[in-house]
Amino acid sequence: MLKVLVDKRMILGTLKKDLETYVGVPLEYFKIYRLYSNQQEYECARLTETLSTFRDDEKLTVRLGRALRKGEHRG
C-alpha cells in the first residue's frame, strides 16, 4: 500500500505521471480505479479530471493494463 498526499487542484493525468516511478511501467500501461464504500470499483479514465472530485480519505487502486485504442475491442 502506498499513501499519497496530493494537491486537489492536480489533474488525474499528472497523478498517473507521478505514480509511474512507483508502479514501474509507463502511465499508458496502468489504470486507476476509485473504490467505493460498497467495494465497487470505477475506472478513472478522464485524465483531465481534477482530484477535487475525490474525497480526502478516498482509496484508489492501481491495476496493470492499458486502455483500448481506437478500433480495439475487448474479447
PDB file of N, CA and C in Angstrom:
ATOM      1  N   MET A   1       0.852  -1.166   0.000  1.00  0.00           N
ATOM      2  CA  MET A   1       0.000   0.000   0.000  1.00  0.00           C
ATOM      3  C   MET A   1       0.900   1.233   0.000  1.00  0.00           C
ATOM      4  N   LEU A   2       0.494   2.228  -0.748  1.00  0.00           N
ATOM      5  CA  LEU A   2       1.216   3.491  -0.844  1.00  0.00           C
ATOM      6  C   LEU A   2       0.260   4.607  -0.474  1.00  0.00           C
ATOM      7  N   LYS A   3       0.659   5.443   0.463  1.00  0.00           N
ATOM      8  CA  LYS A   3      -0.164   6.585   0.848  1.00  0.00           C
ATOM      9  C   LYS A   3       0.413   7.814   0.163  1.00  0.00           C
ATOM     10  N   VAL A   4      -0.455   8.555  -0.533  1.00  0.00           N
ATOM     11  CA  VAL A   4      -0.021   9.703  -1.317  1.00  0.00           C
ATOM     12  C   VAL A   4      -0.803  10.934  -0.887  1.00  0.00           C
ATOM     13  N   LEU A   5      -0.106  12.024  -0.676  1.00  0.00           N
ATOM     14  CA  LEU A   5      -0.748  13.308  -0.403  1.00  0.00           C
ATOM     15  C   LEU A   5      -0.627  14.153  -1.661  1.00  0.00           C
ATOM     16  N   VAL A   6      -1.752  14.700  -2.129  1.00  0.00           N
ATOM     17  CA  VAL A   6      -1.753  15.459  -3.382  1.00  0.00           C
ATOM     18  C   VAL A   6      -2.487  16.782  -3.210  1.00  0.00           C
ATOM     19  N   ASP A   7      -2.204  17.694  -4.098  1.00  0.00           N
ATOM     20  CA  ASP A   7      -2.938  18.947  -4.199  1.00  0.00           C
ATOM     21  C   ASP A   7      -4.210  18.633  -4.982  1.00  0.00           C
ATOM     22  N   LYS A   8      -5.361  18.946  -4.439  1.00  0.00           N
ATOM     23  CA  LYS A   8      -6.625  18.579  -5.084  1.00  0.00           C
ATOM     24  C   LYS A   8      -6.877  19.339  -6.379  1.00  0.00           C
ATOM     25  N   ARG A   9      -6.038  20.334  -6.687  1.00  0.00           N
ATOM     26  CA  ARG A   9      -6.144  21.026  -7.977  1.00  0.00           C
ATOM     27  C   ARG A   9      -5.436  20.247  -9.079  1.00  0.00           C
ATOM     28  N   MET A  10      -4.672  19.224  -8.700  1.00  0.00           N
ATOM     29  CA  MET A  10      -3.941  18.390  -9.655  1.00  0.00           C
ATOM     30  C   MET A  10      -4.933  17.620 -10.519  1.00  0.00           C
ATOM     31  N   ILE A  11      -4.554  17.359 -11.767  1.00  0.00           N
ATOM     32  CA  ILE A  11      -5.405  16.536 -12.622  1.00  0.00           C
ATOM     33  C   ILE A  11      -4.934  15.084 -12.554  1.00  0.00           C
ATOM     34  N   LEU A  12      -5.830  14.183 -12.913  1.00  0.00           N
ATOM     35  CA  LEU A  12      -5.553  12.748 -12.830  1.00  0.00           C
ATOM     36  C   LEU A  12      -4.339  12.358 -13.667  1.00  0.00           C
ATOM     37  N   GLY A  13      -4.177  12.971 -14.839  1.00  0.00           N
ATOM     38  CA  GLY A  13      -3.033  12.663 -15.698  1.00  0.00           C
ATOM     39  C   GLY A  13      -1.704  12.953 -15.014  1.00  0.00           C
ATOM     40  N   THR A  14      -1.642  14.027 -14.239  1.00  0.00           N
ATOM     41  CA  THR A  14      -0.426  14.372 -13.500  1.00  0.00           C
ATOM     42  C   THR A  14      -0.168  13.356 -12.394  1.00  0.00           C
ATOM     43  N   LEU A  15      -1.224  12.939 -11.710  1.00  0.00           N
ATOM     44  CA  LEU A  15      -1.075  11.912 -10.672  1.00  0.00           C
ATOM     45  C   LEU A  15      -0.521  10.630 -11.277  1.00  0.00           C
ATOM     46  N   LYS A  16      -1.072  10.212 -12.429  1.00  0.00           N
ATOM     47  CA  LYS A  16      -0.576   8.997 -13.077  1.00  0.00           C
ATOM     48  C   LYS A  16       0.896   9.142 -13.443  1.00  0.00           C
ATOM     49  N   LYS A  17       1.272  10.297 -13.964  1.00  0.00           N
ATOM     50  CA  LYS A  17       2.674  10.530 -14.332  1.00  0.00           C
ATOM     51  C   LYS A  17       3.567  10.416 -13.094  1.00  0.00           C
ATOM     52  N   ASP A  18       3.121  10.979 -11.980  1.00  0.00           N
ATOM     53  CA  ASP A  18       3.897  10.914 -10.738  1.00  0.00           C
ATOM     54  C   ASP A  18       3.978   9.491 -10.178  1.00  0.00           C
ATOM     55  N   LEU A  19       2.963   8.672 -10.440  1.00  0.00           N
ATOM     56  CA  LEU A  19       2.942   7.298  -9.922  1.00  0.00           C
ATOM     57  C   LEU A  19       3.758   6.324 -10.770  1.00  0.00           C
ATOM     58  N   GLU A  20       4.132   6.729 -11.986  1.00  0.00           N
ATOM     59  CA  GLU A  20       4.905   5.850 -12.876  1.00  0.00           C
ATOM     60  C   GLU A  20       6.103   5.219 -12.164  1.00  0.00           C
ATOM     61  N   THR A  21       6.837   6.004 -11.415  1.00  0.00           N
ATOM     62  CA  THR A  21       8.034   5.524 -10.720  1.00  0.00           C
ATOM     63  C   THR A  21       7.700   4.397  -9.753  1.00  0.00           C
ATOM     64  N   TYR A  22       6.595   4.533  -9.045  1.00  0.00           N
ATOM     65  CA  TYR A  22       6.211   3.534  -8.040  1.00  0.00           C
ATOM     66  C   TYR A  22       5.619   2.285  -8.673  1.00  0.00           C
ATOM     67  N   VAL A  23       4.886   2.462  -9.770  1.00  0.00           N
ATOM     68  CA  VAL A  23       4.250   1.326 -10.438  1.00  0.00           C
ATOM     69  C   VAL A  23       5.278   0.558 -11.272  1.00  0.00           C
ATOM     70  N   GLY A  24       6.232   1.273 -11.854  1.00  0.00           N
ATOM     71  CA  GLY A  24       7.295   0.616 -12.609  1.00  0.00           C
ATOM     72  C   GLY A  24       7.009   0.422 -14.082  1.00  0.00           C
ATOM     73  N   VAL A  25       5.924   0.989 -14.577  1.00  0.00           N
ATOM     74  CA  VAL A  25       5.588   0.920 -16.003  1.00  0.00           C
ATOM     75  C   VAL A  25       5.105   2.305 -16.445  1.00  0.00           C
ATOM     76  N   PRO A  26       5.172   2.596 -17.768  1.00  0.00           N
ATOM     77  CA  PRO A  26       4.668   3.885 -18.255  1.00  0.00           C
ATOM     78  C   PRO A  26       3.181   4.051 -17.953  1.00  0.00           C
ATOM     79  N   LEU A  27       2.740   5.295 -17.829  1.00  0.00           N
ATOM     80  CA  LEU A  27       1.347   5.567 -17.441  1.00  0.00           C
ATOM     81  C   LEU A  27       0.320   4.984 -18.399  1.00  0.00           C
ATOM     82  N   GLU A  28       0.708   4.705 -19.648  1.00  0.00           N
ATOM     83  CA  GLU A  28      -0.229   4.103 -20.608  1.00  0.00           C
ATOM     84  C   GLU A  28      -0.559   2.658 -20.257  1.00  0.00           C
ATOM     85  N   TYR A  29       0.223   2.053 -19.356  1.00  0.00           N
ATOM     86  CA  TYR A  29       0.071   0.632 -19.067  1.00  0.00           C
ATOM     87  C   TYR A  29      -0.461   0.331 -17.675  1.00  0.00           C
ATOM     88  N   PHE A  30      -1.055   1.332 -17.032  1.00  0.00           N
ATOM     89  CA  PHE A  30      -1.783   1.059 -15.795  1.00  0.00           C
ATOM     90  C   PHE A  30      -2.993   1.967 -15.708  1.00  0.00           C
ATOM     91  N   LYS A  31      -3.984   1.508 -14.957  1.00  0.00           N
ATOM     92  CA  LYS A  31      -5.242   2.233 -14.786  1.00  0.00           C
ATOM     93  C   LYS A  31      -5.453   2.509 -13.305  1.00  0.00           C
ATOM     94  N   ILE A  32      -6.169   3.592 -13.024  1.00  0.00           N
ATOM     95  CA  ILE A  32      -6.509   3.940 -11.650  1.00  0.00           C
ATOM     96  C   ILE A  32      -8.010   3.753 -11.472  1.00  0.00           C
ATOM     97  N   TYR A  33      -8.397   3.117 -10.375  1.00  0.00           N
ATOM     98  CA  TYR A  33      -9.801   2.868 -10.064  1.00  0.00           C
ATOM     99  C   TYR A  33     -10.148   3.499  -8.727  1.00  0.00           C
ATOM    100  N   ARG A  34     -11.351   4.056  -8.654  1.00  0.00           N
ATOM    101  CA  ARG A  34     -11.891   4.540  -7.376  1.00  0.00           C
ATOM    102  C   ARG A  34     -12.556   3.358  -6.696  1.00  0.00           C
ATOM    103  N   LEU A  35     -12.381   3.255  -5.397  1.00  0.00           N
ATOM    104  CA  LEU A  35     -13.002   2.182  -4.628  1.00  0.00           C
ATOM    105  C   LEU A  35     -14.084   2.795  -3.752  1.00  0.00           C
ATOM    106  N   TYR A  36     -15.327   2.435  -4.027  1.00  0.00           N
ATOM    107  CA  TYR A  36     -16.451   2.977  -3.272  1.00  0.00           C
ATOM    108  C   TYR A  36     -16.719   2.135  -2.026  1.00  0.00           C
ATOM    109  N   SER A  37     -17.495   2.677  -1.104  1.00  0.00           N
ATOM    110  CA  SER A  37     -17.747   2.018   0.187  1.00  0.00           C
ATOM    111  C   SER A  37     -18.399   0.647   0.031  1.00  0.00           C
ATOM    112  N   ASN A  38     -19.132   0.427  -1.059  1.00  0.00           N
ATOM    113  CA  ASN A  38     -19.762  -0.878  -1.287  1.00  0.00           C
ATOM    114  C   ASN A  38     -18.809  -1.847  -1.993  1.00  0.00           C
ATOM    115  N   GLN A  39     -17.502  -1.501  -2.015  1.00  0.00           N
ATOM    116  CA  GLN A  39     -16.436  -2.307  -2.619  1.00  0.00           C
ATOM    117  C   GLN A  39     -16.515  -2.365  -4.140  1.00  0.00           C
ATOM    118  N   GLN A  40     -17.328  -1.520  -4.750  1.00  0.00           N
ATOM    119  CA  GLN A  40     -17.407  -1.457  -6.203  1.00  0.00           C
ATOM    120  C   GLN A  40     -16.296  -0.549  -6.724  1.00  0.00           C
ATOM    121  N   GLU A  41     -15.667  -0.955  -7.833  1.00  0.00           N
ATOM    122  CA  GLU A  41     -14.598  -0.160  -8.430  1.00  0.00           C
ATOM    123  C   GLU A  41     -15.097   0.542  -9.684  1.00  0.00           C
ATOM    124  N   TYR A  42     -14.572   1.741  -9.917  1.00  0.00           N
ATOM    125  CA  TYR A  42     -14.923   2.525 -11.089  1.00  0.00           C
ATOM    126  C   TYR A  42     -13.626   3.042 -11.698  1.00  0.00           C
ATOM    127  N   GLU A  43     -13.401   2.767 -12.992  1.00  0.00           N
ATOM    128  CA  GLU A  43     -12.170   3.213 -13.639  1.00  0.00           C
ATOM    129  C   GLU A  43     -12.164   4.725 -13.817  1.00  0.00           C
ATOM    130  N   CYS A  44     -11.085   5.357 -13.437  1.00  0.00           N
ATOM    131  CA  CYS A  44     -10.895   6.801 -13.622  1.00  0.00           C
ATOM    132  C   CYS A  44     -10.219   6.984 -14.976  1.00  0.00           C
ATOM    133  N   ALA A  45     -10.988   7.293 -15.999  1.00  0.00           N
ATOM    134  CA  ALA A  45     -10.461   7.343 -17.361  1.00  0.00           C
ATOM    135  C   ALA A  45     -10.247   8.760 -17.878  1.00  0.00           C
ATOM    136  N   ARG A  46     -10.874   9.751 -17.260  1.00  0.00           N
ATOM    137  CA  ARG A  46     -10.732  11.136 -17.738  1.00  0.00           C
ATOM    138  C   ARG A  46      -9.479  11.751 -17.119  1.00  0.00           C
ATOM    139  N   LEU A  47      -8.403  11.779 -17.880  1.00  0.00           N
ATOM    140  CA  LEU A  47      -7.119  12.249 -17.360  1.00  0.00           C
ATOM    141  C   LEU A  47      -7.109  13.744 -17.081  1.00  0.00           C
ATOM    142  N   THR A  48      -8.114  14.475 -17.574  1.00  0.00           N
ATOM    143  CA  THR A  48      -8.189  15.923 -17.325  1.00  0.00           C
ATOM    144  C   THR A  48      -9.036  16.250 -16.100  1.00  0.00           C
ATOM    145  N   GLU A  49      -9.597  15.236 -15.455  1.00  0.00           N
ATOM    146  CA  GLU A  49     -10.416  15.440 -14.255  1.00  0.00           C
ATOM    147  C   GLU A  49      -9.522  15.861 -13.088  1.00  0.00           C
ATOM    148  N   THR A  50      -9.942  16.890 -12.351  1.00  0.00           N
ATOM    149  CA  THR A  50      -9.155  17.308 -11.185  1.00  0.00           C
ATOM    150  C   THR A  50      -9.463  16.395 -10.004  1.00  0.00           C
ATOM    151  N   LEU A  51      -8.531  16.336  -9.091  1.00  0.00           N
ATOM    152  CA  LEU A  51      -8.695  15.486  -7.915  1.00  0.00           C
ATOM    153  C   LEU A  51      -9.644  16.099  -6.893  1.00  0.00           C
ATOM    154  N   SER A  52     -10.166  17.286  -7.174  1.00  0.00           N
ATOM    155  CA  SER A  52     -11.114  17.928  -6.254  1.00  0.00           C
ATOM    156  C   SER A  52     -12.414  17.134  -6.153  1.00  0.00           C
ATOM    157  N   THR A  53     -12.684  16.259  -7.116  1.00  0.00           N
ATOM    158  CA  THR A  53     -13.891  15.434  -7.072  1.00  0.00           C
ATOM    159  C   THR A  53     -13.720  14.214  -6.162  1.00  0.00           C
ATOM    160  N   PHE A  54     -12.501  13.974  -5.686  1.00  0.00           N
ATOM    161  CA  PHE A  54     -12.216  12.838  -4.814  1.00  0.00           C
ATOM    162  C   PHE A  54     -12.343  13.264  -3.353  1.00  0.00           C
ATOM    163  N   ARG A  55     -12.820  12.354  -2.499  1.00  0.00           N
ATOM    164  CA  ARG A  55     -12.866  12.624  -1.060  1.00  0.00           C
ATOM    165  C   ARG A  55     -11.453  12.574  -0.485  1.00  0.00           C
ATOM    166  N   ASP A  56     -11.245  13.238   0.633  1.00  0.00           N
ATOM    167  CA  ASP A  56      -9.921  13.266   1.257  1.00  0.00           C
ATOM    168  C   ASP A  56      -9.442  11.883   1.682  1.00  0.00           C
ATOM    169  N   ASP A  57     -10.352  11.024   2.107  1.00  0.00           N
ATOM    170  CA  ASP A  57      -9.964   9.696   2.584  1.00  0.00           C
ATOM    171  C   ASP A  57     -10.220   8.602   1.546  1.00  0.00           C
ATOM    172  N   GLU A  58     -10.413   8.998   0.297  1.00  0.00           N
ATOM    173  CA  GLU A  58     -10.773   8.034  -0.745  1.00  0.00           C
ATOM    174  C   GLU A  58      -9.604   7.115  -1.079  1.00  0.00           C
ATOM    175  N   LYS A  59      -9.928   5.841  -1.283  1.00  0.00           N
ATOM    176  CA  LYS A  59      -8.921   4.854  -1.645  1.00  0.00           C
ATOM    177  C   LYS A  59      -8.967   4.625  -3.153  1.00  0.00           C
ATOM    178  N   LEU A  60      -7.791   4.535  -3.745  1.00  0.00           N
ATOM    179  CA  LEU A  60      -7.663   4.268  -5.171  1.00  0.00           C
ATOM    180  C   LEU A  60      -6.892   2.970  -5.348  1.00  0.00           C
ATOM    181  N   THR A  61      -7.189   2.266  -6.422  1.00  0.00           N
ATOM    182  CA  THR A  61      -6.491   1.033  -6.756  1.00  0.00           C
ATOM    183  C   THR A  61      -5.790   1.231  -8.089  1.00  0.00           C
ATOM    184  N   VAL A  62      -4.568   0.732  -8.202  1.00  0.00           N
ATOM    185  CA  VAL A  62      -3.826   0.781  -9.457  1.00  0.00           C
ATOM    186  C   VAL A  62      -3.750  -0.640  -9.995  1.00  0.00           C
ATOM    187  N   ARG A  63      -4.122  -0.813 -11.262  1.00  0.00           N
ATOM    188  CA  ARG A  63      -4.062  -2.134 -11.910  1.00  0.00           C
ATOM    189  C   ARG A  63      -3.290  -2.007 -13.219  1.00  0.00           C
ATOM    190  N   LEU A  64      -2.482  -3.008 -13.503  1.00  0.00           N
ATOM    191  CA  LEU A  64      -1.770  -3.022 -14.775  1.00  0.00           C
ATOM    192  C   LEU A  64      -2.748  -3.290 -15.905  1.00  0.00           C
ATOM    193  N   GLY A  65      -2.491  -2.707 -17.040  1.00  0.00           N
ATOM    194  CA  GLY A  65      -3.343  -2.852 -18.218  1.00  0.00           C
ATOM    195  C   GLY A  65      -3.487  -1.498 -18.875  1.00  0.00           C
ATOM    196  N   ARG A  66      -3.774  -1.483 -20.158  1.00  0.00           N
ATOM    197  CA  ARG A  66      -3.909  -0.206 -20.845  1.00  0.00           C
ATOM    198  C   ARG A  66      -5.326  -0.038 -21.375  1.00  0.00           C
ATOM    199  N   ALA A  67      -5.660   1.191 -21.646  1.00  0.00           N
ATOM    200  CA  ALA A  67      -6.969   1.499 -22.224  1.00  0.00           C
ATOM    201  C   ALA A  67      -6.994   0.996 -23.664  1.00  0.00           C
ATOM    202  N   LEU A  68      -8.176   0.637 -24.126  1.00  0.00           N
ATOM    203  CA  LEU A  68      -8.312   0.198 -25.510  1.00  0.00           C
ATOM    204  C   LEU A  68      -8.046   1.361 -26.451  1.00  0.00           C
ATOM    205  N   ARG A  69      -7.386   1.071 -27.545  1.00  0.00           N
ATOM    206  CA  ARG A  69      -7.132   2.083 -28.566  1.00  0.00           C
ATOM    207  C   ARG A  69      -8.239   2.036 -29.606  1.00  0.00           C
ATOM    208  N   LYS A  70      -8.291   3.055 -30.447  1.00  0.00           N
ATOM    209  CA  LYS A  70      -9.316   3.135 -31.492  1.00  0.00           C
ATOM    210  C   LYS A  70      -9.272   1.870 -32.344  1.00  0.00           C
ATOM    211  N   GLY A  71     -10.430   1.252 -32.541  1.00  0.00           N
ATOM    212  CA  GLY A  71     -10.522   0.045 -33.347  1.00  0.00           C
ATOM    213  C   GLY A  71     -10.303  -1.247 -32.571  1.00  0.00           C
ATOM    214  N   GLU A  72      -9.875  -1.165 -31.309  1.00  0.00           N
ATOM    215  CA  GLU A  72      -9.671  -2.362 -30.490  1.00  0.00           C
ATOM    216  C   GLU A  72     -10.946  -2.687 -29.720  1.00  0.00           C
ATOM    217  N   HIS A  73     -11.158  -3.978 -29.464  1.00  0.00           N
ATOM    218  CA  HIS A  73     -12.332  -4.439 -28.725  1.00  0.00           C
ATOM    219  C   HIS A  73     -11.894  -5.462 -27.694  1.00  0.00           C
ATOM    220  N   ARG A  74     -12.575  -5.469 -26.552  1.00  0.00           N
ATOM    221  CA  ARG A  74     -12.299  -6.496 -25.541  1.00  0.00           C
ATOM    222  C   ARG A  74     -12.867  -7.818 -26.025  1.00  0.00           C
ATOM    223  N   GLY A  75     -12.094  -8.861 -25.840  1.00  0.00           N
ATOM    224  CA  GLY A  75     -12.526 -10.179 -26.290  1.00  0.00           C
ATOM    225  C   GLY A  75     -13.189 -10.973 -25.222  1.00  0.00           C
TER     226      GLY A  75
END
